[in-house]
Amino acid sequence: MADLAGHRPRGGGRHDWLGADPFGAQPADKLGLLRTATDWSTNVGHPGPAHTAEGEVFATFVIPNVFARAARGEATAAQAVADAEAQIRPIFERWRERGLIGNGGS
């Protein structure tokens, strides 16, 4: 693990470290694309608020596990996504049955 004691972001900006990752990423700027993430990403639920099904998906770590399984070589990226979809669909169905989220326009 990188020793960050006394580490100061270059240039003083809060995202400057993304161009020179102190954790040893190779290449050091591989996270640089995230500098503009607020320009091209949005919050869950946008344009409305997040709802209970989305909350359950996040609370049960379905999304991070997709990345973890693929990164560890436990599944291909496509298989990890397919497995996550198989976990997510029942979550949404359960909340729809309870009438607590919409039907997704169908």
Protein backbone atom coordinates (compact mmCIF):
# COMPACT_ATOMS: atom_id res chain seq x y z
CA MET A 1 0.00 0.00 0.00
CA ALA A 2 1.25 3.48 -0.82
CA ASP A 3 2.44 5.68 2.03
CA LEU A 4 0.38 8.84 1.63
CA ALA A 5 1.64 10.62 4.73
CA GLY A 6 2.43 14.15 3.69
CA HIS A 7 1.09 13.58 0.16
CA ARG A 8 -0.22 16.76 -1.42
CA PRO A 9 -2.13 16.77 -4.69
CA ARG A 10 -0.10 18.34 -7.47
CA GLY A 11 -1.31 21.79 -8.34
CA GLY A 12 -3.53 21.86 -5.27
CA GLY A 13 -6.65 20.58 -7.07
CA ARG A 14 -8.63 17.78 -5.50
CA HIS A 15 -8.49 15.65 -8.66
CA ASP A 16 -4.87 16.31 -9.67
CA TRP A 17 -3.70 12.97 -8.25
CA LEU A 18 -5.66 11.20 -11.00
CA GLY A 19 -2.85 12.08 -13.40
CA ALA A 20 -0.16 10.61 -11.13
CA ASP A 21 -1.78 7.94 -8.97
CA PRO A 22 0.04 7.67 -5.62
CA PHE A 23 -1.14 4.06 -5.28
CA GLY A 24 1.11 2.87 -8.09
CA ALA A 25 -1.31 2.39 -10.98
CA GLN A 26 0.31 1.47 -14.28
CA PRO A 27 0.25 3.66 -16.24
CA ALA A 28 0.23 6.32 -13.52
CA ASP A 29 -2.43 8.38 -15.33
CA LYS A 30 -4.85 5.53 -16.10
CA LEU A 31 -7.50 7.17 -13.89
CA GLY A 32 -7.08 10.55 -15.61
CA LEU A 33 -10.34 10.16 -17.53
CA LEU A 34 -12.18 10.48 -14.22
CA ARG A 35 -11.16 14.15 -13.90
CA THR A 36 -14.18 15.10 -16.02
CA ALA A 37 -16.56 12.43 -14.68
CA THR A 38 -18.98 15.02 -13.32
CA ASP A 39 -19.41 16.31 -16.88
CA TRP A 40 -20.49 12.95 -18.35
CA SER A 41 -21.94 10.97 -15.45
CA THR A 42 -25.04 11.31 -13.33
CA ASN A 43 -26.53 10.12 -10.08
CA VAL A 44 -28.53 6.93 -9.80
CA GLY A 45 -32.18 7.64 -10.50
CA HIS A 46 -31.54 10.71 -12.66
CA PRO A 47 -33.55 12.70 -13.58
CA GLY A 48 -35.56 11.75 -10.50
CA PRO A 49 -34.53 10.41 -7.13
CA ALA A 50 -33.12 6.94 -6.58
CA HIS A 51 -35.66 4.37 -5.41
CA THR A 52 -35.79 1.27 -3.26
CA ALA A 53 -34.77 -1.27 -5.92
CA GLU A 54 -31.71 0.74 -6.88
CA GLY A 55 -30.89 1.08 -3.20
CA GLU A 56 -31.03 -2.68 -2.73
CA VAL A 57 -28.76 -3.26 -5.73
CA PHE A 58 -26.19 -0.89 -4.21
CA ALA A 59 -26.63 -2.20 -0.65
CA THR A 60 -25.97 -5.77 -1.76
CA PHE A 61 -22.82 -4.80 -3.72
CA VAL A 62 -24.02 -6.25 -7.03
CA ILE A 63 -22.23 -3.61 -9.13
CA PRO A 64 -18.83 -3.68 -7.38
CA ASN A 65 -18.91 -7.47 -7.52
CA VAL A 66 -19.21 -7.31 -11.32
CA PHE A 67 -15.92 -5.46 -11.50
CA ALA A 68 -14.26 -7.58 -8.80
CA ARG A 69 -15.18 -10.89 -10.40
CA ALA A 70 -13.95 -9.78 -13.81
CA ALA A 71 -10.76 -8.23 -12.39
CA ARG A 72 -9.92 -11.40 -10.43
CA GLY A 73 -10.54 -13.55 -13.50
CA GLU A 74 -13.45 -15.39 -11.87
CA ALA A 75 -15.66 -14.52 -14.84
CA THR A 76 -15.38 -12.75 -18.16
CA ALA A 77 -16.71 -9.22 -18.16
CA ALA A 78 -19.72 -10.35 -20.20
CA GLN A 79 -20.46 -13.23 -17.79
CA ALA A 80 -20.08 -10.99 -14.73
CA VAL A 81 -22.58 -8.53 -16.22
CA ALA A 82 -24.99 -11.33 -17.14
CA ASP A 83 -24.75 -12.74 -13.61
CA ALA A 84 -25.42 -9.28 -12.16
CA GLU A 85 -28.46 -8.87 -14.39
CA ALA A 86 -29.74 -12.21 -13.10
CA GLN A 87 -29.46 -10.81 -9.55
CA ILE A 88 -30.90 -7.37 -10.40
CA ARG A 89 -34.02 -8.42 -12.30
CA PRO A 90 -35.60 -10.25 -9.32
CA ILE A 91 -34.83 -7.28 -7.07
CA PHE A 92 -36.73 -4.95 -9.37
CA GLU A 93 -39.56 -7.47 -9.84
CA ARG A 94 -39.96 -7.83 -6.07
CA TRP A 95 -40.23 -4.07 -5.55
CA ARG A 96 -42.64 -3.72 -8.51
CA GLU A 97 -44.88 -6.43 -7.05
CA ARG A 98 -45.02 -4.44 -3.83
CA GLY A 99 -46.04 -1.36 -5.83
CA LEU A 100 -43.10 0.67 -4.60
CA ILE A 101 -41.53 1.36 -8.00
CA GLY A 102 -42.92 1.88 -11.48
CA ASN A 103 -43.10 -0.71 -14.21
CA GLY A 104 -40.29 0.75 -16.30
CA GLY A 105 -42.64 1.96 -19.01
CA SER A 106 -43.77 -1.49 -20.04
